[in-house]
């Protein structure tokens, strides 16, 4: 088997928390060499998330295992010089500071491009680098609120929601990280053709609009006549199976084309003429009655496998409601390698998600060690030509920082 697709690609990672680290970790898992640059002291704040040990939380492991971690104080001119030296051989820089932050240290795109004209400089932020909202702070929940996700959830769940609430997942961070990966790969391909680097600006707000499969209806303010948008997938019903477990059947019976499929699979075409269900508006008004009929039909099956045959025949699908831990123990998860185990510095086993791809010409490699703040200072800087004497001097001045004492110089 050959090398991973991005073998040999060098990335300098200035990111923290989630969107940027997820971008850099994905590129690392695809074969890139990633050096994470952290400020002295605590480093990336995600090191102190729960659960896990302070400094190496399991959250940090998931987004940063395998990265070389150096800690450089950019307030020192010597610290800026270290970064400029590393930039000479880097292919990609990734940062997710508030726009303009790195400019204060002489590390804007324009200044970095003077050092390395072929650099791909990826900036991830809430609203982009140069516009009327660039100055605003952004976290996933606040972006969800701004772009319409929270409003959609409120309207979707109505009184069942209890009170206005955001989603429990950081969609804006993870999706933006993935869109940044795509943009990075595209910029690298363009560089391959032109020989030129460029600045890639990725915004969380733009990402959340881009990945919203129902945006066309919401932006145009289309009157839906009670039909669910986007094929009705977001209103798929959750039902109980006979043994007590919950299941989800794909797509909503409110949506007219899907209602026909429900009737066919239940052998209940008479429902198409039922006055309670003749239109999407009526089906929405009488949804409880309709779902009671579907629920009774579901109870007639002895196994989910038997139920799935009928659903497949109708072009629908079924999924059991499971926890992540339950699915991680499934036969499929074992076959795919969907869960990997890491032993942390304190001997605790941490289970992390595996990679979502398989390549026919290379073997997946898992980076299972998470470095401490500054742990890789010596290996990275010595490879860049810094002598042991220079290294000790930088450490004594506080230009570089490590939680562990420097031993390499004596070896």
Protein backbone atom coordinates (compact mmCIF):
# COMPACT_ATOMS: atom_id res chain seq x y z
CA UNK A 1 0.00 0.00 0.00
CA UNK A 2 1.20 3.52 -0.81
CA UNK A 3 1.59 6.69 1.20
CA UNK A 4 -1.42 8.70 2.35
CA UNK A 5 -2.70 11.26 -0.19
CA UNK A 6 -1.27 14.34 1.54
CA UNK A 7 2.08 12.81 2.53
CA UNK A 8 4.79 15.47 2.55
CA UNK A 9 2.44 18.45 2.94
CA UNK A 10 3.60 20.78 5.72
CA UNK A 11 1.01 22.72 7.72
CA UNK A 12 1.49 25.38 10.36
CA UNK A 13 -1.59 25.35 12.58
CA UNK A 14 -2.37 28.48 14.63
CA UNK A 15 -5.90 27.37 15.49
CA UNK A 16 -7.71 26.63 18.71
CA UNK A 17 -10.91 25.07 20.05
CA UNK A 18 -12.82 23.40 17.17
CA UNK A 19 -13.30 24.81 13.64
CA UNK A 20 -9.61 25.34 12.89
CA UNK A 21 -8.29 22.31 14.79
CA UNK A 22 -10.84 20.08 13.03
CA UNK A 23 -9.64 21.39 9.66
CA UNK A 24 -5.98 20.77 10.50
CA UNK A 25 -6.70 17.35 12.06
CA UNK A 26 -8.54 16.22 8.93
CA UNK A 27 -5.58 17.23 6.76
CA UNK A 28 -3.27 15.41 9.19
CA UNK A 29 -5.36 12.25 8.98
CA UNK A 30 -5.02 12.48 5.20
CA UNK A 31 -1.24 12.39 5.57
CA UNK A 32 -0.11 15.99 6.15
CA UNK A 33 2.57 16.94 8.70
CA UNK A 34 0.94 19.41 11.11
CA UNK A 35 2.75 21.62 13.60
CA UNK A 36 0.40 23.29 16.09
CA UNK A 37 1.55 26.69 17.42
CA UNK A 38 0.21 27.60 20.88
CA UNK A 39 0.78 30.54 23.21
CA UNK A 40 2.89 29.90 26.33
CA UNK A 41 1.19 28.72 29.49
CA UNK A 42 -2.16 27.03 29.07
CA UNK A 43 -2.02 26.75 25.29
CA UNK A 44 -5.24 25.89 23.45
CA UNK A 45 -8.15 26.34 25.88
CA UNK A 46 -9.69 23.10 24.62
CA UNK A 47 -6.96 21.26 26.54
CA UNK A 48 -9.08 21.95 29.65
CA UNK A 49 -12.45 20.75 28.39
CA UNK A 50 -14.27 17.89 30.09
CA UNK A 51 -13.80 14.96 30.39
CA UNK A 52 -10.13 14.12 30.70
CA UNK A 53 -7.06 15.43 32.45
CA UNK A 54 -6.22 19.17 32.55
CA UNK A 55 -3.88 19.92 29.67
CA UNK A 56 -4.93 16.89 27.64
CA UNK A 57 -8.70 16.67 27.65
CA UNK A 58 -10.35 14.00 25.55
CA UNK A 59 -11.84 16.83 23.48
CA UNK A 60 -8.28 17.98 22.74
CA UNK A 61 -7.25 14.43 21.85
CA UNK A 62 -10.06 14.13 19.30
CA UNK A 63 -9.07 17.29 17.42
CA UNK A 64 -5.30 17.36 17.93
CA UNK A 65 -3.80 13.89 18.42
CA UNK A 66 -0.83 13.46 16.10
CA UNK A 67 0.04 17.14 15.75
CA UNK A 68 3.47 18.36 16.80
CA UNK A 69 2.91 21.01 19.46
CA UNK A 70 5.21 23.98 19.86
CA UNK A 71 4.68 26.97 22.13
CA UNK A 72 6.03 30.32 20.96
CA UNK A 73 5.40 33.77 22.44
CA UNK A 74 4.75 36.00 19.44
CA UNK A 75 5.16 39.12 21.58
CA UNK A 76 8.92 38.59 21.31
CA UNK A 77 10.62 39.53 18.01
CA UNK A 78 12.55 36.27 18.34
CA UNK A 79 9.25 34.39 18.50
CA UNK A 80 8.07 36.05 15.30
CA UNK A 81 11.40 35.18 13.69
CA UNK A 82 10.94 31.50 14.60
CA UNK A 83 7.57 31.45 12.88
CA UNK A 84 8.88 33.27 9.82
CA UNK A 85 11.62 30.67 9.52
CA UNK A 86 9.12 27.82 9.70
CA UNK A 87 6.95 29.56 7.12
CA UNK A 88 9.69 29.32 4.51
CA UNK A 89 9.09 25.59 4.11
CA UNK A 90 5.38 25.43 4.97
CA UNK A 91 2.71 24.68 2.39
CA UNK A 92 -0.31 25.82 4.39
CA UNK A 93 -1.05 28.15 7.29
CA UNK A 94 -4.37 27.77 9.11
CA UNK A 95 -5.62 30.33 11.64
CA UNK A 96 -8.98 31.01 13.27
CA UNK A 97 -8.31 34.16 15.26
CA UNK A 98 -10.54 37.19 15.06
CA UNK A 99 -9.64 38.96 11.78
CA UNK A 100 -6.47 41.03 12.01
CA UNK A 101 -5.00 39.31 15.07
CA UNK A 102 -1.91 37.90 13.35
CA UNK A 103 -1.35 41.25 11.62
CA UNK A 104 -0.19 42.63 14.98
CA UNK A 105 2.72 40.17 14.93
CA UNK A 106 3.79 40.84 11.36
CA UNK A 107 2.11 37.64 10.17
CA UNK A 108 -0.67 38.90 7.90
CA UNK A 109 -1.20 37.09 4.62
CA UNK A 110 0.61 39.83 2.71
CA UNK A 111 3.64 39.65 5.00
CA UNK A 112 3.71 35.85 4.98
CA UNK A 113 3.39 35.79 1.17
CA UNK A 114 6.53 37.91 0.94
CA UNK A 115 8.39 35.15 2.81
CA UNK A 116 6.76 32.32 0.87
CA UNK A 117 4.80 33.32 -2.27
CA UNK A 118 3.46 29.77 -2.63
CA UNK A 119 1.85 29.66 0.81
CA UNK A 120 -1.84 28.76 1.15
CA UNK A 121 -3.02 30.95 4.03
CA UNK A 122 -6.38 29.80 5.39
CA UNK A 123 -8.34 32.14 7.66
CA UNK A 124 -11.42 30.81 9.48
CA UNK A 125 -13.68 33.29 11.26
CA UNK A 126 -17.31 33.99 12.07
CA UNK A 127 -18.09 36.41 9.27
CA UNK A 128 -15.00 36.71 7.08
CA UNK A 129 -11.96 38.97 7.01
CA UNK A 130 -13.03 42.31 5.55
CA UNK A 131 -16.67 43.30 5.84
CA UNK A 132 -19.11 45.08 8.15
CA UNK A 133 -19.32 42.13 10.58
CA UNK A 134 -15.68 41.00 10.56
CA UNK A 135 -15.03 42.57 13.97
CA UNK A 136 -17.64 40.47 15.75
CA UNK A 137 -16.82 37.50 17.92
CA UNK A 138 -18.41 34.24 16.82
CA UNK A 139 -19.10 30.89 18.45
CA UNK A 140 -21.23 28.15 16.95
CA UNK A 141 -24.36 28.94 19.03
CA UNK A 142 -24.25 32.65 18.14
CA UNK A 143 -23.76 31.90 14.46
CA UNK A 144 -26.64 29.41 14.60
CA UNK A 145 -28.79 32.23 15.95
CA UNK A 146 -27.74 34.76 13.33
CA UNK A 147 -28.14 32.59 10.22
CA UNK A 148 -31.60 31.17 11.00
CA UNK A 149 -30.84 27.74 12.47
CA UNK A 150 -32.28 28.55 15.89
CA UNK A 151 -35.37 30.12 14.33
CA UNK A 152 -35.84 27.01 12.19
CA UNK A 153 -35.64 24.78 15.27
CA UNK A 154 -38.15 26.93 17.14
CA UNK A 155 -40.61 26.84 14.24
CA UNK A 156 -40.03 23.14 13.65
CA UNK A 157 -40.67 21.98 17.21
CA UNK A 158 -43.18 24.65 18.17
CA UNK A 159 -44.73 24.16 21.59
CA UNK A 160 -42.90 20.83 21.97
CA UNK A 161 -39.63 22.73 22.34
CA UNK A 162 -40.78 24.25 25.62
CA UNK A 163 -38.63 27.34 25.22
CA UNK A 164 -36.35 28.72 22.48
CA UNK A 165 -33.18 26.67 22.29
CA UNK A 166 -30.15 26.18 20.07
CA UNK A 167 -28.80 22.85 18.85
CA UNK A 168 -26.62 20.71 21.14
CA UNK A 169 -23.96 20.27 18.43
CA UNK A 170 -21.44 22.85 17.20
CA UNK A 171 -22.46 22.52 13.56
CA UNK A 172 -21.02 25.88 12.54
CA UNK A 173 -17.58 24.91 13.82
CA UNK A 174 -17.41 21.41 12.36
CA UNK A 175 -18.98 22.27 9.00
CA UNK A 176 -16.73 25.31 8.63
CA UNK A 177 -13.71 23.18 9.43
CA UNK A 178 -14.70 20.78 6.66
CA UNK A 179 -15.39 23.56 4.16
CA UNK A 180 -11.95 24.94 5.02
CA UNK A 181 -10.44 21.53 4.21
CA UNK A 182 -12.15 21.56 0.82
CA UNK A 183 -11.01 25.12 0.11
CA UNK A 184 -7.45 24.25 1.16
CA UNK A 185 -7.30 21.28 -1.19
CA UNK A 186 -8.72 23.39 -4.03
CA UNK A 187 -6.12 26.11 -3.43
CA UNK A 188 -3.35 23.51 -3.40
CA UNK A 189 -4.59 22.13 -6.72
CA UNK A 190 -4.66 25.63 -8.19
CA UNK A 191 -1.12 26.21 -6.90
CA UNK A 192 -0.09 23.01 -8.63
CA UNK A 193 -1.27 24.55 -11.93
CA UNK A 194 -0.16 28.15 -11.43
CA UNK A 195 2.68 28.02 -8.91
CA UNK A 196 0.97 30.74 -6.87
CA UNK A 197 -0.26 30.68 -3.30
CA UNK A 198 -3.29 32.59 -2.06
CA UNK A 199 -5.38 33.71 0.91
CA UNK A 200 -8.43 31.54 1.57
CA UNK A 201 -11.18 33.24 3.61
CA UNK A 202 -13.74 30.86 5.17
CA UNK A 203 -16.69 32.22 7.18
CA UNK A 204 -18.85 30.27 9.61
CA UNK A 205 -21.95 32.29 8.69
CA UNK A 206 -21.48 31.67 4.97
CA UNK A 207 -20.84 27.99 5.65
CA UNK A 208 -24.06 27.55 7.59
CA UNK A 209 -26.04 29.09 4.77
CA UNK A 210 -24.17 26.99 2.19
CA UNK A 211 -24.85 23.66 3.93
CA UNK A 212 -28.50 24.47 4.72
CA UNK A 213 -30.42 22.21 2.34
CA UNK A 214 -33.59 24.21 2.85
CA UNK A 215 -32.03 27.65 2.36
CA UNK A 216 -33.65 28.09 -1.07
CA UNK A 217 -37.10 28.09 0.52
CA UNK A 218 -36.17 30.18 3.56
CA UNK A 219 -34.25 32.83 1.61
CA UNK A 220 -36.95 33.20 -1.03
CA UNK A 221 -39.61 33.17 1.71
CA UNK A 222 -41.61 30.69 -0.32
CA UNK A 223 -45.12 29.79 0.85
CA UNK A 224 -45.00 26.02 1.29
CA UNK A 225 -48.73 25.35 1.78
CA UNK A 226 -47.82 23.18 4.78
CA UNK A 227 -45.51 20.96 2.70
CA UNK A 228 -42.22 20.21 4.49
CA UNK A 229 -39.18 21.68 2.72
CA UNK A 230 -36.34 19.65 1.24
CA UNK A 231 -38.17 16.35 0.66
CA UNK A 232 -39.46 16.26 4.22
CA UNK A 233 -36.41 14.51 5.65
CA UNK A 234 -36.27 16.91 8.59
CA UNK A 235 -39.73 15.83 9.73
CA UNK A 236 -39.08 12.10 9.72
CA UNK A 237 -41.23 10.50 12.44
CA UNK A 238 -39.82 8.84 15.55
CA UNK A 239 -41.85 5.77 16.51
CA UNK A 240 -41.73 2.93 19.01
CA UNK A 241 -41.04 -0.66 18.02
CA UNK A 242 -42.72 -3.55 19.78
CA UNK A 243 -39.73 -4.29 22.03
CA UNK A 244 -39.67 -0.73 23.34
CA UNK A 245 -36.81 0.73 21.32
CA UNK A 246 -37.31 3.89 19.32
CA UNK A 247 -36.92 3.97 15.56
CA UNK A 248 -36.89 6.67 12.87
CA UNK A 249 -38.48 6.21 9.45
CA UNK A 250 -36.99 8.39 6.76
CA UNK A 251 -39.06 11.30 5.41
CA UNK A 252 -42.32 12.84 6.55
CA UNK A 253 -45.77 11.50 5.61
CA UNK A 254 -46.91 15.13 5.47
CA UNK A 255 -44.92 15.58 2.24
CA UNK A 256 -47.30 14.59 -0.57
CA UNK A 257 -44.98 12.31 -2.63
CA UNK A 258 -43.84 10.56 0.55
CA UNK A 259 -47.40 10.15 1.86
CA UNK A 260 -48.12 8.06 -1.23
CA UNK A 261 -45.19 5.81 -0.36
CA UNK A 262 -46.37 5.40 3.23
CA UNK A 263 -49.81 4.35 1.97
CA UNK A 264 -48.29 1.85 -0.46
CA UNK A 265 -45.93 0.23 2.04
CA UNK A 266 -48.71 -0.15 4.63
CA UNK A 267 -51.09 -1.49 1.94
CA UNK A 268 -53.43 1.33 2.94
CA UNK A 269 -54.13 3.22 -0.28
CA UNK A 270 -57.55 3.97 1.17
CA UNK A 271 -55.86 6.63 3.31
CA UNK A 272 -55.23 8.69 0.18
CA UNK A 273 -58.98 9.35 0.05
CA UNK A 274 -59.40 9.86 3.77
CA UNK A 275 -60.70 13.44 4.21
CA UNK A 276 -58.31 13.96 7.14
CA UNK A 277 -55.25 13.37 4.95
CA UNK A 278 -56.08 14.66 1.46
CA UNK A 279 -53.68 17.63 1.55
CA UNK A 280 -50.42 18.46 3.27
CA UNK A 281 -52.22 21.05 5.37
CA UNK A 282 -54.79 18.48 6.50
CA UNK A 283 -52.11 15.89 7.22
CA UNK A 284 -50.25 18.44 9.32
CA UNK A 285 -53.44 19.27 11.25
CA UNK A 286 -54.19 15.57 11.74
CA UNK A 287 -50.64 14.36 12.09
CA UNK A 288 -51.20 12.58 15.38
CA UNK A 289 -53.99 10.47 13.87
CA UNK A 290 -51.82 9.66 10.84
CA UNK A 291 -48.83 8.69 12.95
CA UNK A 292 -51.04 6.54 15.18
CA UNK A 293 -51.93 4.54 12.06
CA UNK A 294 -48.26 4.22 11.11
CA UNK A 295 -47.38 3.28 14.69
CA UNK A 296 -49.99 0.48 14.74
CA UNK A 297 -48.58 -0.84 11.47
CA UNK A 298 -45.04 -0.80 12.88
CA UNK A 299 -46.22 -2.81 15.91
CA UNK A 300 -47.34 -5.61 13.56
CA UNK A 301 -43.76 -6.64 12.77
CA UNK A 302 -41.75 -9.17 14.75
CA UNK A 303 -38.34 -7.68 13.94
CA UNK A 304 -36.82 -4.49 12.61
CA UNK A 305 -35.28 -6.53 9.79
CA UNK A 306 -38.75 -7.59 8.69
CA UNK A 307 -39.97 -3.99 8.88
CA UNK A 308 -36.98 -2.82 6.87
CA UNK A 309 -37.93 -5.08 3.96
CA UNK A 310 -41.24 -3.24 3.55
CA UNK A 311 -39.63 0.16 3.94
CA UNK A 312 -36.96 -0.65 1.36
CA UNK A 313 -39.68 -1.76 -1.04
CA UNK A 314 -41.23 1.70 -0.70
CA UNK A 315 -37.88 3.48 -1.15
CA UNK A 316 -37.66 4.46 2.52
CA UNK A 317 -35.29 3.50 5.33
CA UNK A 318 -35.35 2.85 9.05
CA UNK A 319 -32.82 3.51 11.79
CA UNK A 320 -32.76 2.45 15.41
CA UNK A 321 -32.28 5.21 17.97
CA UNK A 322 -29.01 4.30 19.66
CA UNK A 323 -26.36 6.02 21.69
CA UNK A 324 -22.97 6.68 20.10
CA UNK A 325 -21.53 4.07 22.46
CA UNK A 326 -24.07 1.47 21.34
CA UNK A 327 -23.39 2.10 17.66
CA UNK A 328 -19.66 2.07 18.35
CA UNK A 329 -20.02 -1.55 19.52
CA UNK A 330 -21.95 -2.65 16.44
CA UNK A 331 -20.66 -5.14 13.90
CA UNK A 332 -20.52 -2.39 11.29
CA UNK A 333 -18.35 -0.19 13.51
CA UNK A 334 -15.90 -3.05 13.98
CA UNK A 335 -15.82 -3.81 10.25
CA UNK A 336 -15.22 -0.18 9.32
CA UNK A 337 -12.82 0.63 12.12
CA UNK A 338 -15.16 3.39 13.24
CA UNK A 339 -13.78 3.55 16.79
CA UNK A 340 -10.14 3.73 17.85
CA UNK A 341 -8.76 3.46 21.36
CA UNK A 342 -6.17 5.78 22.87
CA UNK A 343 -4.43 5.36 26.22
CA UNK A 344 -3.83 8.79 27.75
CA UNK A 345 -0.90 9.84 29.95
CA UNK A 346 -2.72 8.64 33.06
CA UNK A 347 -3.44 5.15 31.70
CA UNK A 348 -7.11 5.81 30.94
CA UNK A 349 -8.54 4.41 27.72
CA UNK A 350 -10.17 7.01 25.52
CA UNK A 351 -12.34 5.97 22.59
CA UNK A 352 -12.32 8.31 19.59
CA UNK A 353 -14.08 8.22 16.22
CA UNK A 354 -12.16 6.59 13.39
CA UNK A 355 -11.70 8.09 9.94
CA UNK A 356 -14.64 8.36 7.51
CA UNK A 357 -12.74 7.27 4.40
CA UNK A 358 -10.93 4.24 3.04
CA UNK A 359 -8.43 4.48 0.17
CA UNK A 360 -7.67 1.55 -2.07
CA UNK A 361 -4.05 2.66 -2.52
CA UNK A 362 -3.11 3.57 1.06
CA UNK A 363 -3.75 2.34 4.58
CA UNK A 364 -5.39 4.52 7.18
CA UNK A 365 -3.02 5.63 9.90
CA UNK A 366 -4.16 6.76 13.32
CA UNK A 367 -2.25 9.39 15.27
CA UNK A 368 -2.97 8.39 18.85
CA UNK A 369 -0.66 10.62 20.90
CA UNK A 370 -1.53 14.16 21.95
CA UNK A 371 1.45 16.34 22.81
CA UNK A 372 1.64 18.64 25.82
CA UNK A 373 2.10 22.40 25.40
CA UNK A 374 5.51 22.89 23.79
CA UNK A 375 6.39 19.19 23.95
CA UNK A 376 7.73 19.18 20.39
CA UNK A 377 9.66 22.46 20.60
CA UNK A 378 13.03 20.80 20.33
CA UNK A 379 12.22 18.31 17.57
CA UNK A 380 10.61 20.99 15.39
CA UNK A 381 13.14 23.77 16.00
CA UNK A 382 16.22 21.55 15.81
CA UNK A 383 14.97 20.27 12.45
CA UNK A 384 14.71 23.93 11.44
CA UNK A 385 18.38 24.49 12.29
CA UNK A 386 18.17 25.85 15.86
CA UNK A 387 21.16 24.71 17.94
CA UNK A 388 20.88 23.39 21.47
CA UNK A 389 22.56 26.54 22.79
CA UNK A 390 20.15 28.80 20.89
CA UNK A 391 17.24 26.69 22.06
CA UNK A 392 18.24 27.01 25.73
CA UNK A 393 18.63 30.76 25.33
CA UNK A 394 15.15 31.07 23.75
CA UNK A 395 13.66 29.05 26.59
CA UNK A 396 15.37 31.07 29.29
CA UNK A 397 14.09 34.32 27.75
CA UNK A 398 10.53 32.95 27.65
CA UNK A 399 10.32 33.06 23.85
CA UNK A 400 9.44 29.38 23.80
CA UNK A 401 7.65 27.45 26.52
CA UNK A 402 7.22 23.82 27.49
CA UNK A 403 5.54 22.14 30.42
CA UNK A 404 8.44 19.65 30.48
CA UNK A 405 12.11 20.53 31.09
CA UNK A 406 14.44 20.67 28.11
CA UNK A 407 16.62 17.54 27.97
CA UNK A 408 17.53 17.20 24.32
CA UNK A 409 20.43 19.65 24.44
CA UNK A 410 22.36 17.41 26.81
CA UNK A 411 21.99 14.32 24.63
